[in-house]
């Protein structure tokens, strides 16, 4: 296969996941962007804030390339889960801007280092700290996609918007009536299976 470049492929999939996560904020009110929709408080803006910190840590501190971005929610005395929601003083534009700056910082690390470049994850146990850029790229792709999946479900709960992107939802074709019947059929099957 000609033209195949493993680092470029990994970087591409990271960018696709980033854009999918950030795209879930499009068109939402401030309330809906922050609104907790699960028993554990999962919310869209918090997911973006969390993943921004993840990128800055893994592509920054791990490879001796720390960012100058202040992340008070990662301090030892920070409130638990402080990275998973936006305070009333944290504006959406600030968090989105932080995430975009995290991309740029991460991209600079990805561009500067070879896939086999060695780093140390300071918050991992000593015996597992030594990692390669390749491993961190895979880890952050997985982490970002995991949270983009959370964001997909949260957005669907907010206003019914579902799927990968506005221009490619990756869902089965069907109008609202089809989806209602589909969901009803799944509920009937679940109830029947639960009675067995």
Protein backbone atom coordinates (compact mmCIF):
# COMPACT_ATOMS: atom_id res chain seq x y z
CA UNK A 1 0.00 0.00 0.00
CA UNK A 2 1.61 3.26 -1.07
CA UNK A 3 1.28 6.51 0.79
CA UNK A 4 0.41 4.89 4.10
CA UNK A 5 1.87 6.83 7.01
CA UNK A 6 0.99 5.39 10.45
CA UNK A 7 1.47 8.62 12.39
CA UNK A 8 -0.62 10.61 9.91
CA UNK A 9 -3.38 7.98 10.08
CA UNK A 10 -3.45 8.08 13.87
CA UNK A 11 -3.42 11.87 13.86
CA UNK A 12 -6.31 11.91 11.38
CA UNK A 13 -8.46 9.67 13.60
CA UNK A 14 -7.66 11.82 16.62
CA UNK A 15 -8.81 14.92 14.73
CA UNK A 16 -12.03 13.23 13.60
CA UNK A 17 -12.81 12.34 17.22
CA UNK A 18 -11.99 15.87 18.41
CA UNK A 19 -14.32 17.42 15.86
CA UNK A 20 -17.10 14.94 16.66
CA UNK A 21 -16.90 15.82 20.36
CA UNK A 22 -16.76 19.58 19.83
CA UNK A 23 -19.53 19.44 17.21
CA UNK A 24 -21.99 18.26 19.84
CA UNK A 25 -22.04 21.81 21.27
CA UNK A 26 -23.19 23.35 17.97
CA UNK A 27 -26.44 25.27 18.22
CA UNK A 28 -27.01 24.69 21.93
CA UNK A 29 -27.96 27.23 24.55
CA UNK A 30 -25.61 27.85 27.46
CA UNK A 31 -27.94 25.85 29.68
CA UNK A 32 -28.07 22.83 27.39
CA UNK A 33 -24.28 22.85 26.90
CA UNK A 34 -23.82 22.55 30.70
CA UNK A 35 -26.88 20.55 31.66
CA UNK A 36 -26.21 17.29 33.56
CA UNK A 37 -28.20 14.49 31.94
CA UNK A 38 -27.02 11.35 33.73
CA UNK A 39 -27.02 10.38 37.41
CA UNK A 40 -23.25 11.05 37.43
CA UNK A 41 -23.69 14.55 35.96
CA UNK A 42 -22.36 13.95 32.44
CA UNK A 43 -22.67 17.15 30.41
CA UNK A 44 -21.31 18.33 27.09
CA UNK A 45 -19.15 21.25 28.15
CA UNK A 46 -17.65 19.19 30.96
CA UNK A 47 -16.66 16.48 28.49
CA UNK A 48 -14.85 19.05 26.34
CA UNK A 49 -13.11 20.52 29.41
CA UNK A 50 -12.03 17.05 30.55
CA UNK A 51 -10.62 16.01 27.17
CA UNK A 52 -8.72 19.30 26.83
CA UNK A 53 -6.93 18.47 30.08
CA UNK A 54 -6.34 14.89 28.94
CA UNK A 55 -4.59 16.10 25.78
CA UNK A 56 -2.49 18.68 27.58
CA UNK A 57 -1.33 16.09 30.09
CA UNK A 58 -0.62 13.19 27.78
CA UNK A 59 0.95 15.13 24.90
CA UNK A 60 2.52 17.77 27.13
CA UNK A 61 3.76 16.60 30.52
CA UNK A 62 4.39 13.05 29.34
CA UNK A 63 6.92 14.19 26.73
CA UNK A 64 8.52 17.02 28.71
CA UNK A 65 6.54 19.60 26.75
CA UNK A 66 4.27 21.10 29.41
CA UNK A 67 1.71 23.66 28.38
CA UNK A 68 1.48 27.10 29.92
CA UNK A 69 -2.30 26.67 30.20
CA UNK A 70 -3.53 26.98 33.79
CA UNK A 71 -5.65 23.97 34.75
CA UNK A 72 -6.74 24.68 38.34
CA UNK A 73 -9.09 21.70 38.29
CA UNK A 74 -6.08 19.36 38.19
CA UNK A 75 -4.47 20.76 41.36
CA UNK A 76 -4.18 18.44 44.34
CA UNK A 77 -6.68 20.49 46.34
CA UNK A 78 -9.24 20.74 43.52
CA UNK A 79 -12.74 19.50 44.07
CA UNK A 80 -13.31 15.91 42.88
CA UNK A 81 -14.56 15.81 39.28
CA UNK A 82 -13.78 19.50 38.80
CA UNK A 83 -12.65 18.76 35.24
CA UNK A 84 -16.04 17.27 34.31
CA UNK A 85 -18.17 20.43 34.46
CA UNK A 86 -17.94 24.14 33.80
CA UNK A 87 -18.38 26.54 36.68
CA UNK A 88 -20.64 29.58 36.27
CA UNK A 89 -17.49 31.70 35.83
CA UNK A 90 -16.07 29.53 33.03
CA UNK A 91 -17.46 30.66 29.70
CA UNK A 92 -18.12 28.18 26.93
CA UNK A 93 -15.84 30.15 24.57
CA UNK A 94 -13.01 29.83 27.09
CA UNK A 95 -13.38 26.06 27.34
CA UNK A 96 -13.71 25.60 23.58
CA UNK A 97 -10.70 27.87 23.12
CA UNK A 98 -8.75 25.83 25.67
CA UNK A 99 -9.60 22.64 23.78
CA UNK A 100 -8.47 24.16 20.47
CA UNK A 101 -5.22 25.35 22.09
CA UNK A 102 -4.78 21.83 23.51
CA UNK A 103 -5.10 20.50 19.93
CA UNK A 104 -2.40 22.88 18.74
CA UNK A 105 -0.11 21.94 21.63
CA UNK A 106 -0.72 18.23 21.06
CA UNK A 107 -0.28 18.56 17.31
CA UNK A 108 3.10 20.24 17.85
CA UNK A 109 4.20 17.28 19.99
CA UNK A 110 2.89 14.78 17.44
CA UNK A 111 4.66 16.62 14.60
CA UNK A 112 7.95 16.97 16.52
CA UNK A 113 8.34 13.40 17.75
CA UNK A 114 8.63 9.99 16.14
CA UNK A 115 6.07 7.33 17.04
CA UNK A 116 8.73 5.48 19.03
CA UNK A 117 9.70 8.59 21.06
CA UNK A 118 9.73 7.77 24.78
CA UNK A 119 7.86 9.69 27.44
CA UNK A 120 6.92 9.22 31.09
CA UNK A 121 3.34 9.56 32.34
CA UNK A 122 3.91 11.23 35.74
CA UNK A 123 0.60 10.14 37.27
CA UNK A 124 0.91 6.45 36.35
CA UNK A 125 2.56 3.87 38.63
CA UNK A 126 6.35 3.84 38.28
CA UNK A 127 6.47 0.42 36.61
CA UNK A 128 4.10 1.55 33.78
CA UNK A 129 5.14 5.18 33.28
CA UNK A 130 7.44 4.65 30.30
CA UNK A 131 5.43 4.98 27.07
CA UNK A 132 5.85 5.78 23.39
CA UNK A 133 4.13 8.51 21.42
CA UNK A 134 2.39 5.71 19.52
CA UNK A 135 0.86 4.35 22.71
CA UNK A 136 -0.26 7.81 23.84
CA UNK A 137 -1.81 8.55 20.44
CA UNK A 138 -3.83 5.32 20.63
CA UNK A 139 -4.81 6.03 24.25
CA UNK A 140 -5.98 9.60 23.52
CA UNK A 141 -7.87 8.50 20.39
CA UNK A 142 -9.69 5.91 22.50
CA UNK A 143 -10.36 8.39 25.31
CA UNK A 144 -11.65 11.06 22.93
CA UNK A 145 -13.88 8.63 21.07
CA UNK A 146 -15.23 7.29 24.36
CA UNK A 147 -16.24 10.78 25.44
CA UNK A 148 -17.54 11.66 21.96
CA UNK A 149 -19.85 8.66 22.36
CA UNK A 150 -21.01 10.01 25.72
CA UNK A 151 -21.56 13.39 24.06
CA UNK A 152 -23.57 11.77 21.27
CA UNK A 153 -25.99 10.26 23.77
CA UNK A 154 -26.20 13.43 25.89
CA UNK A 155 -26.95 15.53 22.79
CA UNK A 156 -29.65 13.09 21.72
CA UNK A 157 -31.24 13.43 25.17
CA UNK A 158 -31.17 17.24 24.85
CA UNK A 159 -32.80 17.74 21.47
CA UNK A 160 -32.84 14.46 19.55
CA UNK A 161 -29.78 15.30 17.45
CA UNK A 162 -27.89 12.04 16.93
CA UNK A 163 -25.09 10.64 14.86
CA UNK A 164 -21.50 11.34 14.01
CA UNK A 165 -21.77 14.76 12.32
CA UNK A 166 -24.39 17.03 10.83
CA UNK A 167 -23.23 16.14 7.30
CA UNK A 168 -22.97 12.39 8.02
CA UNK A 169 -25.07 11.12 10.89
CA UNK A 170 -24.17 7.47 10.17
CA UNK A 171 -27.67 6.41 11.26
CA UNK A 172 -30.14 4.15 9.52
CA UNK A 173 -32.50 6.10 7.25
CA UNK A 174 -35.89 6.76 8.75
CA UNK A 175 -38.24 9.54 9.76
CA UNK A 176 -39.49 10.22 13.29
CA UNK A 177 -42.35 7.71 12.94
CA UNK A 178 -39.91 4.99 11.82
CA UNK A 179 -37.62 5.67 14.81
CA UNK A 180 -40.57 5.62 17.23
CA UNK A 181 -41.73 2.27 15.86
CA UNK A 182 -38.18 0.93 15.93
CA UNK A 183 -37.75 1.94 19.56
CA UNK A 184 -41.17 0.47 20.47
CA UNK A 185 -40.20 -2.80 18.81
CA UNK A 186 -36.95 -2.93 20.78
CA UNK A 187 -38.88 -2.27 24.00
CA UNK A 188 -41.30 -5.14 23.22
CA UNK A 189 -38.41 -7.50 22.51
CA UNK A 190 -36.69 -6.46 25.73
CA UNK A 191 -39.84 -7.03 27.75
CA UNK A 192 -40.39 -10.46 26.17
CA UNK A 193 -36.78 -11.44 26.85
CA UNK A 194 -37.10 -10.19 30.42
CA UNK A 195 -40.08 -12.48 30.99
CA UNK A 196 -38.20 -15.59 29.89
